[in-house]
Amino acid sequence: MKSIKSKIQISMLSVVLVSSILIGVITALLNASGIDEMMTKTLGPATQMAADAVEWRMNNYWVALQEAASSDIFRESDPTAQELIPIRDDIAERNGFLYTGKMDANGFSSTGYNYSEEYYFQQCKETMQPFISDIMNDGQQMIFLLEVPIIIDGQFSGVVYGGINADFLSEIVINLSMGNDGVAYVLDQIWIEALCSQSWLLSLW
């Protein structure tokens, strides 16, 4: 038969064990809550800053292409017309494009190639709305291709396009970090479609 002393010891150990577990759980919950609050306060402004920078850059690109698409020279010229070359080059240089050009209603481009079967041309033609491609390799580097439709009398008459270096996204987020080892990433919706329906998600790890 156990002595009274043994019973008391067992009871005390049980109380200490249960108390330790409760304290551990409460501490973990408080720490998690504190981390969530800290992450919200820290990451919120950082992600908003990066999103604003991306939006500002993209707006500049779109405005330049929209102005070109509404100009007589782009509306009336053949995509490979010589008189279009200096204008295309000037738009690219002033607005940070790698290059700009025109595709006619059949997809024939300033490059001399036909892109009528490419998804980005078809999307712009079908919707008659500006469109940005997924990241792709143009043969020399990774780019985004921006397209703005040329609309004449309500009819699709081609697109003005501009290629931008995909690295511009990295340039925006490269200085964003969290702590000593945090790194900023930009993920497209292929990676995050299971998580949200937005086109871009800035994620800090």
N, C-alpha and C. Protein backbone atom coordinates (compact mmCIF):
# COMPACT_ATOMS: atom_id res chain seq x y z
N MET A 1 0.85 -1.20 0.00
CA MET A 1 0.00 0.00 0.00
C MET A 1 0.89 1.25 0.00
N LYS A 2 0.50 2.16 -0.85
CA LYS A 2 1.29 3.38 -0.95
C LYS A 2 1.12 4.24 0.29
N SER A 3 2.20 4.85 0.67
CA SER A 3 2.15 5.74 1.83
C SER A 3 1.48 7.04 1.46
N ILE A 4 1.05 7.76 2.49
CA ILE A 4 0.42 9.07 2.26
C ILE A 4 1.40 10.01 1.57
N LYS A 5 2.67 9.89 1.94
CA LYS A 5 3.71 10.74 1.34
C LYS A 5 3.80 10.51 -0.16
N SER A 6 3.75 9.25 -0.58
CA SER A 6 3.84 8.91 -2.01
C SER A 6 2.64 9.46 -2.77
N LYS A 7 1.46 9.32 -2.14
CA LYS A 7 0.26 9.82 -2.80
C LYS A 7 0.32 11.33 -2.99
N ILE A 8 0.82 12.01 -1.97
CA ILE A 8 0.93 13.47 -2.06
C ILE A 8 1.91 13.86 -3.16
N GLN A 9 3.03 13.14 -3.24
CA GLN A 9 4.04 13.43 -4.26
C GLN A 9 3.47 13.22 -5.67
N ILE A 10 2.76 12.13 -5.82
CA ILE A 10 2.16 11.85 -7.14
C ILE A 10 1.16 12.95 -7.51
N SER A 11 0.35 13.35 -6.54
CA SER A 11 -0.63 14.41 -6.80
C SER A 11 0.06 15.71 -7.18
N MET A 12 1.14 16.06 -6.48
CA MET A 12 1.87 17.29 -6.76
C MET A 12 2.51 17.24 -8.14
N LEU A 13 3.09 16.07 -8.46
CA LEU A 13 3.70 15.93 -9.78
C LEU A 13 2.67 16.08 -10.90
N SER A 14 1.51 15.53 -10.65
CA SER A 14 0.44 15.65 -11.65
C SER A 14 0.04 17.11 -11.85
N VAL A 15 -0.09 17.83 -10.73
CA VAL A 15 -0.45 19.24 -10.81
C VAL A 15 0.62 20.04 -11.54
N VAL A 16 1.90 19.76 -11.20
CA VAL A 16 3.01 20.46 -11.85
C VAL A 16 3.04 20.17 -13.35
N LEU A 17 2.81 18.89 -13.72
CA LEU A 17 2.84 18.51 -15.13
C LEU A 17 1.73 19.19 -15.92
N VAL A 18 0.52 19.15 -15.36
CA VAL A 18 -0.61 19.79 -16.04
C VAL A 18 -0.39 21.29 -16.15
N SER A 19 0.12 21.88 -15.08
CA SER A 19 0.39 23.33 -15.08
C SER A 19 1.43 23.69 -16.13
N SER A 20 2.48 22.87 -16.24
CA SER A 20 3.54 23.13 -17.22
C SER A 20 2.99 23.06 -18.64
N ILE A 21 2.13 22.06 -18.87
CA ILE A 21 1.54 21.94 -20.21
C ILE A 21 0.67 23.14 -20.53
N LEU A 22 -0.15 23.56 -19.56
CA LEU A 22 -1.02 24.72 -19.78
C LEU A 22 -0.20 25.98 -20.03
N ILE A 23 0.85 26.17 -19.24
CA ILE A 23 1.71 27.35 -19.42
C ILE A 23 2.36 27.32 -20.81
N GLY A 24 2.81 26.13 -21.23
CA GLY A 24 3.43 26.00 -22.55
C GLY A 24 2.46 26.34 -23.67
N VAL A 25 1.23 25.84 -23.56
CA VAL A 25 0.21 26.12 -24.58
C VAL A 25 -0.11 27.61 -24.63
N ILE A 26 -0.33 28.19 -23.45
CA ILE A 26 -0.65 29.63 -23.39
C ILE A 26 0.49 30.47 -23.95
N THR A 27 1.73 30.12 -23.60
CA THR A 27 2.89 30.86 -24.10
C THR A 27 2.98 30.76 -25.62
N ALA A 28 2.75 29.56 -26.14
CA ALA A 28 2.81 29.37 -27.60
C ALA A 28 1.75 30.20 -28.30
N LEU A 29 0.54 30.22 -27.74
CA LEU A 29 -0.53 31.01 -28.34
C LEU A 29 -0.23 32.50 -28.30
N LEU A 30 0.31 32.95 -27.17
CA LEU A 30 0.66 34.37 -27.06
C LEU A 30 1.77 34.74 -28.03
N ASN A 31 2.77 33.85 -28.16
CA ASN A 31 3.86 34.11 -29.11
C ASN A 31 3.35 34.16 -30.54
N ALA A 32 2.47 33.21 -30.88
CA ALA A 32 1.92 33.18 -32.24
C ALA A 32 1.14 34.44 -32.54
N SER A 33 0.35 34.88 -31.53
CA SER A 33 -0.43 36.11 -31.71
C SER A 33 0.48 37.31 -31.89
N GLY A 34 1.56 37.34 -31.09
CA GLY A 34 2.51 38.45 -31.21
C GLY A 34 3.22 38.46 -32.54
N ILE A 35 3.58 37.28 -33.04
CA ILE A 35 4.25 37.18 -34.35
C ILE A 35 3.31 37.62 -35.46
N ASP A 36 2.04 37.16 -35.39
CA ASP A 36 1.07 37.56 -36.40
C ASP A 36 0.90 39.08 -36.43
N GLU A 37 0.82 39.69 -35.26
CA GLU A 37 0.65 41.14 -35.18
C GLU A 37 1.88 41.86 -35.74
N MET A 38 3.06 41.34 -35.39
CA MET A 38 4.29 41.95 -35.87
C MET A 38 4.42 41.80 -37.39
N MET A 39 4.06 40.63 -37.91
CA MET A 39 4.15 40.41 -39.36
C MET A 39 3.18 41.32 -40.10
N THR A 40 1.97 41.48 -39.52
CA THR A 40 0.98 42.35 -40.16
C THR A 40 1.47 43.80 -40.22
N LYS A 41 2.02 44.27 -39.11
CA LYS A 41 2.49 45.65 -39.05
C LYS A 41 3.71 45.86 -39.94
N THR A 42 4.56 44.84 -40.05
CA THR A 42 5.80 44.99 -40.82
C THR A 42 5.58 44.76 -42.31
N LEU A 43 4.88 43.68 -42.64
CA LEU A 43 4.73 43.30 -44.04
C LEU A 43 3.70 44.14 -44.77
N GLY A 44 2.67 44.59 -44.04
CA GLY A 44 1.63 45.36 -44.70
C GLY A 44 2.17 46.56 -45.46
N PRO A 45 2.88 47.47 -44.79
CA PRO A 45 3.43 48.64 -45.49
C PRO A 45 4.43 48.26 -46.59
N ALA A 46 5.22 47.20 -46.35
CA ALA A 46 6.23 46.80 -47.34
C ALA A 46 5.57 46.28 -48.61
N THR A 47 4.57 45.43 -48.45
CA THR A 47 3.90 44.89 -49.63
C THR A 47 3.13 45.97 -50.38
N GLN A 48 2.52 46.90 -49.64
CA GLN A 48 1.80 47.98 -50.29
C GLN A 48 2.75 48.88 -51.07
N MET A 49 3.92 49.13 -50.50
CA MET A 49 4.91 49.96 -51.18
C MET A 49 5.35 49.31 -52.49
N ALA A 50 5.61 48.00 -52.43
CA ALA A 50 6.02 47.29 -53.63
C ALA A 50 4.90 47.26 -54.66
N ALA A 51 3.66 47.03 -54.20
CA ALA A 51 2.52 47.00 -55.12
C ALA A 51 2.33 48.35 -55.80
N ASP A 52 2.49 49.42 -55.04
CA ASP A 52 2.36 50.77 -55.62
C ASP A 52 3.45 51.02 -56.66
N ALA A 53 4.66 50.54 -56.38
CA ALA A 53 5.77 50.74 -57.33
C ALA A 53 5.51 49.98 -58.63
N VAL A 54 5.01 48.75 -58.50
CA VAL A 54 4.69 47.96 -59.70
C VAL A 54 3.58 48.64 -60.50
N GLU A 55 2.54 49.10 -59.80
CA GLU A 55 1.42 49.76 -60.48
C GLU A 55 1.87 51.03 -61.19
N TRP A 56 2.74 51.80 -60.53
CA TRP A 56 3.22 53.04 -61.14
C TRP A 56 4.01 52.74 -62.42
N ARG A 57 4.91 51.75 -62.34
CA ARG A 57 5.70 51.39 -63.51
C ARG A 57 4.80 50.89 -64.65
N MET A 58 3.86 50.04 -64.31
CA MET A 58 2.98 49.47 -65.34
C MET A 58 2.11 50.55 -65.97
N ASN A 59 1.62 51.48 -65.18
CA ASN A 59 0.80 52.57 -65.72
C ASN A 59 1.58 53.37 -66.75
N ASN A 60 2.85 53.63 -66.48
CA ASN A 60 3.68 54.36 -67.44
C ASN A 60 3.80 53.60 -68.76
N TYR A 61 3.99 52.29 -68.64
CA TYR A 61 4.08 51.48 -69.86
C TYR A 61 2.77 51.52 -70.66
N TRP A 62 1.66 51.34 -69.95
CA TRP A 62 0.37 51.30 -70.63
C TRP A 62 0.05 52.63 -71.31
N VAL A 63 0.31 53.73 -70.62
CA VAL A 63 0.01 55.05 -71.18
C VAL A 63 0.80 55.26 -72.47
N ALA A 64 2.07 54.89 -72.47
CA ALA A 64 2.91 55.07 -73.67
C ALA A 64 2.36 54.26 -74.85
N LEU A 65 1.95 53.02 -74.60
CA LEU A 65 1.43 52.19 -75.68
C LEU A 65 0.06 52.66 -76.15
N GLN A 66 -0.76 53.13 -75.21
CA GLN A 66 -2.09 53.62 -75.58
C GLN A 66 -1.99 54.87 -76.44
N GLU A 67 -1.04 55.73 -76.11
CA GLU A 67 -0.83 56.93 -76.93
C GLU A 67 -0.37 56.55 -78.33
N ALA A 68 0.51 55.56 -78.41
CA ALA A 68 0.98 55.11 -79.72
C ALA A 68 -0.16 54.49 -80.52
N ALA A 69 -1.00 53.70 -79.87
CA ALA A 69 -2.10 53.02 -80.56
C ALA A 69 -3.13 54.00 -81.10
N SER A 70 -3.20 55.18 -80.51
CA SER A 70 -4.17 56.19 -80.98
C SER A 70 -3.55 57.17 -81.97
N SER A 71 -2.26 57.04 -82.23
CA SER A 71 -1.59 57.97 -83.16
C SER A 71 -1.79 57.53 -84.61
N ASP A 72 -1.80 58.51 -85.51
CA ASP A 72 -2.02 58.22 -86.94
C ASP A 72 -0.93 57.34 -87.52
N ILE A 73 0.32 57.56 -87.10
CA ILE A 73 1.43 56.82 -87.69
C ILE A 73 1.31 55.32 -87.43
N PHE A 74 0.89 54.96 -86.22
CA PHE A 74 0.73 53.54 -85.92
C PHE A 74 -0.55 52.99 -86.53
N ARG A 75 -1.58 53.78 -86.60
CA ARG A 75 -2.85 53.32 -87.15
C ARG A 75 -2.78 53.11 -88.66
N GLU A 76 -1.96 53.91 -89.34
CA GLU A 76 -1.96 53.90 -90.80
C GLU A 76 -0.77 53.17 -91.42
N SER A 77 0.31 52.99 -90.67
CA SER A 77 1.53 52.43 -91.25
C SER A 77 1.53 50.90 -91.22
N ASP A 78 2.22 50.33 -92.19
CA ASP A 78 2.49 48.90 -92.19
C ASP A 78 3.45 48.60 -91.04
N PRO A 79 3.33 47.42 -90.40
CA PRO A 79 4.21 47.13 -89.26
C PRO A 79 5.70 47.26 -89.56
N THR A 80 6.12 46.99 -90.80
CA THR A 80 7.54 47.05 -91.14
C THR A 80 7.93 48.34 -91.85
N ALA A 81 7.03 49.33 -91.87
CA ALA A 81 7.31 50.59 -92.56
C ALA A 81 8.54 51.27 -91.98
N GLN A 82 9.40 51.79 -92.84
CA GLN A 82 10.63 52.44 -92.41
C GLN A 82 10.35 53.68 -91.56
N GLU A 83 9.30 54.42 -91.88
CA GLU A 83 9.01 55.64 -91.13
C GLU A 83 8.57 55.34 -89.70
N LEU A 84 8.20 54.10 -89.44
CA LEU A 84 7.77 53.73 -88.10
C LEU A 84 8.95 53.41 -87.18
N ILE A 85 10.09 53.05 -87.77
CA ILE A 85 11.23 52.60 -86.97
C ILE A 85 11.74 53.64 -85.98
N PRO A 86 12.04 54.88 -86.40
CA PRO A 86 12.54 55.86 -85.41
C PRO A 86 11.51 56.19 -84.34
N ILE A 87 10.24 56.14 -84.68
CA ILE A 87 9.20 56.43 -83.70
C ILE A 87 9.12 55.31 -82.67
N ARG A 88 9.19 54.08 -83.15
CA ARG A 88 9.20 52.92 -82.25
C ARG A 88 10.40 52.99 -81.30
N ASP A 89 11.55 53.28 -81.87
CA ASP A 89 12.77 53.35 -81.06
C ASP A 89 12.70 54.46 -80.02
N ASP A 90 12.11 55.58 -80.39
CA ASP A 90 12.00 56.71 -79.47
C ASP A 90 11.06 56.36 -78.31
N ILE A 91 9.94 55.71 -78.61
CA ILE A 91 9.00 55.31 -77.56
C ILE A 91 9.67 54.35 -76.60
N ALA A 92 10.42 53.41 -77.14
CA ALA A 92 11.11 52.43 -76.29
C ALA A 92 12.13 53.11 -75.38
N GLU A 93 12.92 54.01 -75.96
CA GLU A 93 13.98 54.67 -75.19
C GLU A 93 13.42 55.57 -74.11
N ARG A 94 12.36 56.30 -74.41
CA ARG A 94 11.80 57.25 -73.44
C ARG A 94 11.03 56.58 -72.32
N ASN A 95 10.52 55.39 -72.58
CA ASN A 95 9.62 54.77 -71.60
C ASN A 95 10.13 53.47 -70.99
N GLY A 96 11.36 53.09 -71.30
CA GLY A 96 11.95 51.95 -70.64
C GLY A 96 11.61 50.60 -71.24
N PHE A 97 11.11 50.57 -72.48
CA PHE A 97 10.87 49.30 -73.15
C PHE A 97 12.18 48.77 -73.75
N LEU A 98 12.26 47.46 -73.87
CA LEU A 98 13.37 46.88 -74.62
C LEU A 98 13.19 47.16 -76.10
N TYR A 99 11.95 47.14 -76.53
CA TYR A 99 11.59 47.43 -77.92
C TYR A 99 10.08 47.62 -77.99
N THR A 100 9.62 48.26 -79.05
CA THR A 100 8.19 48.38 -79.32
C THR A 100 7.95 48.07 -80.78
N GLY A 101 6.70 47.83 -81.14
CA GLY A 101 6.39 47.53 -82.53
C GLY A 101 4.90 47.46 -82.74
N LYS A 102 4.55 47.03 -83.93
CA LYS A 102 3.14 46.92 -84.30
C LYS A 102 2.88 45.55 -84.91
N MET A 103 1.70 45.00 -84.64
CA MET A 103 1.19 43.84 -85.34
C MET A 103 -0.09 44.28 -86.04
N ASP A 104 -0.26 43.87 -87.29
CA ASP A 104 -1.50 44.23 -87.97
C ASP A 104 -2.62 43.29 -87.55
N ALA A 105 -3.78 43.44 -88.13
CA ALA A 105 -4.95 42.67 -87.73
C ALA A 105 -4.78 41.17 -87.96
N ASN A 106 -3.82 40.79 -88.81
CA ASN A 106 -3.58 39.38 -89.09
C ASN A 106 -2.40 38.81 -88.32
N GLY A 107 -1.81 39.63 -87.45
CA GLY A 107 -0.72 39.14 -86.62
C GLY A 107 0.66 39.35 -87.20
N PHE A 108 0.75 39.96 -88.39
CA PHE A 108 2.06 40.23 -88.99
C PHE A 108 2.73 41.37 -88.23
N SER A 109 3.99 41.16 -87.82
CA SER A 109 4.65 42.07 -86.88
C SER A 109 5.78 42.87 -87.49
N SER A 110 6.22 43.88 -86.72
CA SER A 110 7.38 44.68 -87.11
C SER A 110 8.64 43.84 -87.20
N THR A 111 8.66 42.69 -86.55
CA THR A 111 9.82 41.80 -86.62
C THR A 111 9.89 41.04 -87.94
N GLY A 112 8.80 41.08 -88.71
CA GLY A 112 8.75 40.32 -89.95
C GLY A 112 8.13 38.95 -89.80
N TYR A 113 7.73 38.61 -88.59
CA TYR A 113 7.12 37.31 -88.33
C TYR A 113 5.63 37.46 -88.07
N ASN A 114 4.92 36.35 -88.23
CA ASN A 114 3.49 36.35 -87.97
C ASN A 114 3.21 35.69 -86.62
N TYR A 115 2.49 36.41 -85.76
CA TYR A 115 2.21 35.92 -84.41
C TYR A 115 0.71 35.68 -84.20
N SER A 116 -0.02 35.43 -85.27
CA SER A 116 -1.47 35.30 -85.17
C SER A 116 -1.90 34.12 -84.31
N GLU A 117 -1.05 33.10 -84.19
CA GLU A 117 -1.41 31.93 -83.40
C GLU A 117 -1.01 32.05 -81.93
N GLU A 118 -0.28 33.09 -81.59
CA GLU A 118 0.16 33.25 -80.20
C GLU A 118 -1.01 33.69 -79.31
N TYR A 119 -1.04 33.14 -78.10
CA TYR A 119 -2.17 33.40 -77.20
C TYR A 119 -2.31 34.87 -76.86
N TYR A 120 -1.18 35.59 -76.75
CA TYR A 120 -1.26 37.00 -76.35
C TYR A 120 -1.87 37.84 -77.46
N PHE A 121 -1.60 37.50 -78.72
CA PHE A 121 -2.22 38.23 -79.82
C PHE A 121 -3.71 37.90 -79.89
N GLN A 122 -4.04 36.63 -79.78
CA GLN A 122 -5.43 36.22 -79.85
C GLN A 122 -6.26 36.82 -78.72
N GLN A 123 -5.67 36.87 -77.53
CA GLN A 123 -6.39 37.44 -76.39
C GLN A 123 -6.69 38.91 -76.61
N CYS A 124 -5.70 39.66 -77.07
CA CYS A 124 -5.89 41.08 -77.31
C CYS A 124 -6.91 41.31 -78.43
N LYS A 125 -6.86 40.47 -79.46
CA LYS A 125 -7.78 40.60 -80.59
C LYS A 125 -9.21 40.28 -80.18
N GLU A 126 -9.39 39.23 -79.40
CA GLU A 126 -10.73 38.80 -79.01
C GLU A 126 -11.39 39.78 -78.04
N THR A 127 -10.63 40.27 -77.09
CA THR A 127 -11.21 41.15 -76.07
C THR A 127 -11.16 42.63 -76.45
N MET A 128 -10.24 42.95 -77.38
CA MET A 128 -9.98 44.34 -77.75
C MET A 128 -9.66 45.18 -76.51
N GLN A 129 -8.90 44.56 -75.60
CA GLN A 129 -8.46 45.20 -74.37
C GLN A 129 -6.95 45.01 -74.23
N PRO A 130 -6.28 45.93 -73.51
CA PRO A 130 -4.84 45.75 -73.26
C PRO A 130 -4.59 44.40 -72.59
N PHE A 131 -3.44 43.82 -72.91
CA PHE A 131 -3.12 42.49 -72.38
C PHE A 131 -1.63 42.40 -72.11
N ILE A 132 -1.28 41.70 -71.02
CA ILE A 132 0.13 41.44 -70.70
C ILE A 132 0.35 39.95 -70.68
N SER A 133 1.41 39.52 -71.32
CA SER A 133 1.70 38.10 -71.41
C SER A 133 2.25 37.56 -70.10
N ASP A 134 2.34 36.24 -70.01
CA ASP A 134 3.11 35.62 -68.95
C ASP A 134 4.59 35.89 -69.23
N ILE A 135 5.44 35.63 -68.25
CA ILE A 135 6.87 35.74 -68.49
C ILE A 135 7.26 34.75 -69.59
N MET A 136 8.03 35.20 -70.57
CA MET A 136 8.45 34.32 -71.64
C MET A 136 9.83 34.71 -72.14
N ASN A 137 10.44 33.81 -72.87
CA ASN A 137 11.77 34.05 -73.44
C ASN A 137 11.61 34.50 -74.88
N ASP A 138 12.15 35.68 -75.19
CA ASP A 138 12.03 36.19 -76.56
C ASP A 138 13.21 35.77 -77.43
N GLY A 139 14.01 34.83 -76.92
CA GLY A 139 15.18 34.37 -77.66
C GLY A 139 16.47 34.91 -77.11
N GLN A 140 16.36 35.99 -76.31
CA GLN A 140 17.55 36.61 -75.73
C GLN A 140 17.44 36.78 -74.22
N GLN A 141 16.23 37.00 -73.73
CA GLN A 141 16.04 37.28 -72.32
C GLN A 141 14.60 37.00 -71.92
N MET A 142 14.36 37.01 -70.61
CA MET A 142 13.02 36.80 -70.10
C MET A 142 12.28 38.15 -70.08
N ILE A 143 11.09 38.17 -70.67
CA ILE A 143 10.36 39.42 -70.81
C ILE A 143 8.87 39.24 -70.50
N PHE A 144 8.20 40.38 -70.35
CA PHE A 144 6.75 40.46 -70.45
C PHE A 144 6.46 41.21 -71.75
N LEU A 145 5.42 40.80 -72.47
CA LEU A 145 5.00 41.52 -73.67
C LEU A 145 3.67 42.20 -73.38
N LEU A 146 3.66 43.53 -73.49
CA LEU A 146 2.44 44.30 -73.28
C LEU A 146 1.85 44.65 -74.64
N GLU A 147 0.54 44.51 -74.76
CA GLU A 147 -0.13 44.81 -76.02
C GLU A 147 -1.35 45.70 -75.78
N VAL A 148 -1.49 46.69 -76.66
CA VAL A 148 -2.66 47.57 -76.64
C VAL A 148 -3.29 47.51 -78.02
N PRO A 149 -4.59 47.24 -78.11
CA PRO A 149 -5.22 47.11 -79.43
C PRO A 149 -5.35 48.45 -80.15
N ILE A 150 -5.24 48.38 -81.46
CA ILE A 150 -5.53 49.53 -82.32
C ILE A 150 -6.97 49.35 -82.79
N ILE A 151 -7.83 50.27 -82.41
CA ILE A 151 -9.25 50.18 -82.76
C ILE A 151 -9.59 51.30 -83.73
N ILE A 152 -10.11 50.93 -84.89
CA ILE A 152 -10.52 51.91 -85.90
C ILE A 152 -11.98 51.65 -86.25
N ASP A 153 -12.81 52.66 -86.03
CA ASP A 153 -14.25 52.54 -86.30
C ASP A 153 -14.85 51.32 -85.60
N GLY A 154 -14.39 51.08 -84.38
CA GLY A 154 -14.94 49.99 -83.60
C GLY A 154 -14.43 48.61 -83.98
N GLN A 155 -13.50 48.55 -84.92
CA GLN A 155 -12.97 47.28 -85.39
C GLN A 155 -11.51 47.10 -84.98
N PHE A 156 -11.16 45.87 -84.68
CA PHE A 156 -9.77 45.55 -84.34
C PHE A 156 -8.91 45.70 -85.59
N SER A 157 -7.81 46.52 -85.45
CA SER A 157 -6.95 46.78 -86.60
C SER A 157 -5.49 46.46 -86.32
N GLY A 158 -5.23 45.79 -85.21
CA GLY A 158 -3.85 45.43 -84.88
C GLY A 158 -3.53 45.77 -83.43
N VAL A 159 -2.26 45.66 -83.09
CA VAL A 159 -1.84 46.00 -81.73
C VAL A 159 -0.51 46.75 -81.78
N VAL A 160 -0.32 47.58 -80.77
CA VAL A 160 1.00 48.15 -80.49
C VAL A 160 1.54 47.37 -79.31
N TYR A 161 2.75 46.88 -79.42
CA TYR A 161 3.30 46.07 -78.34
C TYR A 161 4.62 46.64 -77.84
N GLY A 162 4.96 46.25 -76.64
CA GLY A 162 6.24 46.65 -76.06
C GLY A 162 6.76 45.54 -75.18
N GLY A 163 8.03 45.24 -75.30
CA GLY A 163 8.66 44.22 -74.46
C GLY A 163 9.38 44.88 -73.29
N ILE A 164 9.16 44.36 -72.10
CA ILE A 164 9.85 44.87 -70.91
C ILE A 164 10.59 43.73 -70.23
N ASN A 165 11.75 44.04 -69.69
CA ASN A 165 12.56 43.04 -69.02
C ASN A 165 11.86 42.57 -67.75
N ALA A 166 11.73 41.25 -67.61
CA ALA A 166 11.05 40.70 -66.43
C ALA A 166 11.79 41.02 -65.14
N ASP A 167 13.05 41.41 -65.24
CA ASP A 167 13.83 41.72 -64.04
C ASP A 167 13.33 42.96 -63.31
N PHE A 168 12.46 43.76 -63.94
CA PHE A 168 12.02 44.98 -63.27
C PHE A 168 11.26 44.66 -61.98
N LEU A 169 10.61 43.50 -61.93
CA LEU A 169 9.92 43.10 -60.71
C LEU A 169 10.93 42.81 -59.59
N SER A 170 12.02 42.14 -59.97
CA SER A 170 13.05 41.84 -58.97
C SER A 170 13.69 43.12 -58.46
N GLU A 171 13.85 44.10 -59.34
CA GLU A 171 14.46 45.37 -58.95
C GLU A 171 13.61 46.08 -57.90
N ILE A 172 12.28 45.89 -57.99
CA ILE A 172 11.39 46.57 -57.06
C ILE A 172 11.43 45.92 -55.69
N VAL A 173 11.48 44.59 -55.64
CA VAL A 173 11.39 43.91 -54.35
C VAL A 173 12.73 43.54 -53.75
N ILE A 174 13.83 43.79 -54.46
CA ILE A 174 15.13 43.31 -54.01
C ILE A 174 15.53 43.89 -52.66
N ASN A 175 15.08 45.11 -52.35
CA ASN A 175 15.46 45.73 -51.09
C ASN A 175 14.46 45.48 -49.96
N LEU A 176 13.42 44.72 -50.26
CA LEU A 176 12.46 44.38 -49.23
C LEU A 176 12.92 43.12 -48.51
N SER A 177 12.88 43.13 -47.20
CA SER A 177 13.30 41.96 -46.45
C SER A 177 12.58 41.93 -45.11
N MET A 178 12.71 40.79 -44.46
CA MET A 178 12.11 40.61 -43.15
C MET A 178 13.16 40.04 -42.23
N GLY A 179 13.63 40.81 -41.25
CA GLY A 179 14.69 40.33 -40.38
C GLY A 179 16.01 40.25 -41.11
N ASN A 180 16.89 39.38 -40.60
CA ASN A 180 18.22 39.25 -41.19
C ASN A 180 18.25 38.36 -42.42
N ASP A 181 17.32 37.41 -42.48
CA ASP A 181 17.37 36.42 -43.55
C ASP A 181 16.16 36.44 -44.46
N GLY A 182 15.27 37.41 -44.27
CA GLY A 182 14.05 37.44 -45.08
C GLY A 182 14.36 37.79 -46.53
N VAL A 183 13.60 37.21 -47.44
CA VAL A 183 13.76 37.46 -48.87
C VAL A 183 12.40 37.73 -49.48
N ALA A 184 12.33 38.67 -50.42
CA ALA A 184 11.07 39.01 -51.07
C ALA A 184 10.96 38.28 -52.40
N TYR A 185 9.76 37.80 -52.69
CA TYR A 185 9.49 37.11 -53.94
C TYR A 185 8.24 37.67 -54.57
N VAL A 186 8.18 37.63 -55.89
CA VAL A 186 6.94 37.90 -56.61
C VAL A 186 6.52 36.60 -57.27
N LEU A 187 5.32 36.14 -56.95
CA LEU A 187 4.82 34.88 -57.48
C LEU A 187 3.66 35.16 -58.43
N ASP A 188 3.68 34.51 -59.62
CA ASP A 188 2.53 34.69 -60.51
C ASP A 188 1.43 33.72 -60.10
N GLN A 189 0.28 33.82 -60.76
CA GLN A 189 -0.88 33.08 -60.28
C GLN A 189 -0.78 31.59 -60.55
N ILE A 190 0.13 31.17 -61.37
CA ILE A 190 0.33 29.74 -61.57
C ILE A 190 0.73 29.09 -60.25
N TRP A 191 1.55 29.83 -59.48
CA TRP A 191 2.02 29.31 -58.20
C TRP A 191 1.01 29.49 -57.08
N ILE A 192 0.16 30.49 -57.22
CA ILE A 192 -0.70 30.81 -56.08
C ILE A 192 -2.18 30.66 -56.37
N GLU A 193 -2.55 30.08 -57.53
CA GLU A 193 -3.95 30.02 -57.90
C GLU A 193 -4.77 29.22 -56.89
N ALA A 194 -4.11 28.32 -56.16
CA ALA A 194 -4.83 27.56 -55.14
C ALA A 194 -5.08 28.39 -53.89
N LEU A 195 -4.39 29.52 -53.79
CA LEU A 195 -4.50 30.34 -52.59
C LEU A 195 -5.38 31.56 -52.81
N CYS A 196 -5.28 32.17 -53.99
CA CYS A 196 -6.10 33.35 -54.25
C CYS A 196 -6.28 33.52 -55.74
N SER A 197 -7.14 34.46 -56.14
CA SER A 197 -7.46 34.65 -57.55
C SER A 197 -6.82 35.90 -58.14
N GLN A 198 -5.97 36.57 -57.39
CA GLN A 198 -5.31 37.77 -57.89
C GLN A 198 -4.23 37.40 -58.89
N SER A 199 -3.89 38.34 -59.77
CA SER A 199 -2.88 38.08 -60.78
C SER A 199 -1.49 38.01 -60.20
N TRP A 200 -1.22 38.83 -59.16
CA TRP A 200 0.12 38.85 -58.58
C TRP A 200 0.01 38.83 -57.06
N LEU A 201 0.94 38.15 -56.46
CA LEU A 201 1.01 38.15 -54.99
C LEU A 201 2.44 38.41 -54.58
N LEU A 202 2.62 39.45 -53.81
CA LEU A 202 3.93 39.73 -53.26
C LEU A 202 4.03 38.99 -51.94
N SER A 203 4.97 38.08 -51.85
CA SER A 203 5.09 37.24 -50.66
C SER A 203 6.48 37.42 -50.05
N LEU A 204 6.51 37.73 -48.76
CA LEU A 204 7.75 37.89 -48.05
C LEU A 204 7.96 36.71 -47.11
N TRP A 205 9.12 36.10 -47.19
CA TRP A 205 9.40 34.93 -46.38
C TRP A 205 10.59 35.23 -45.46
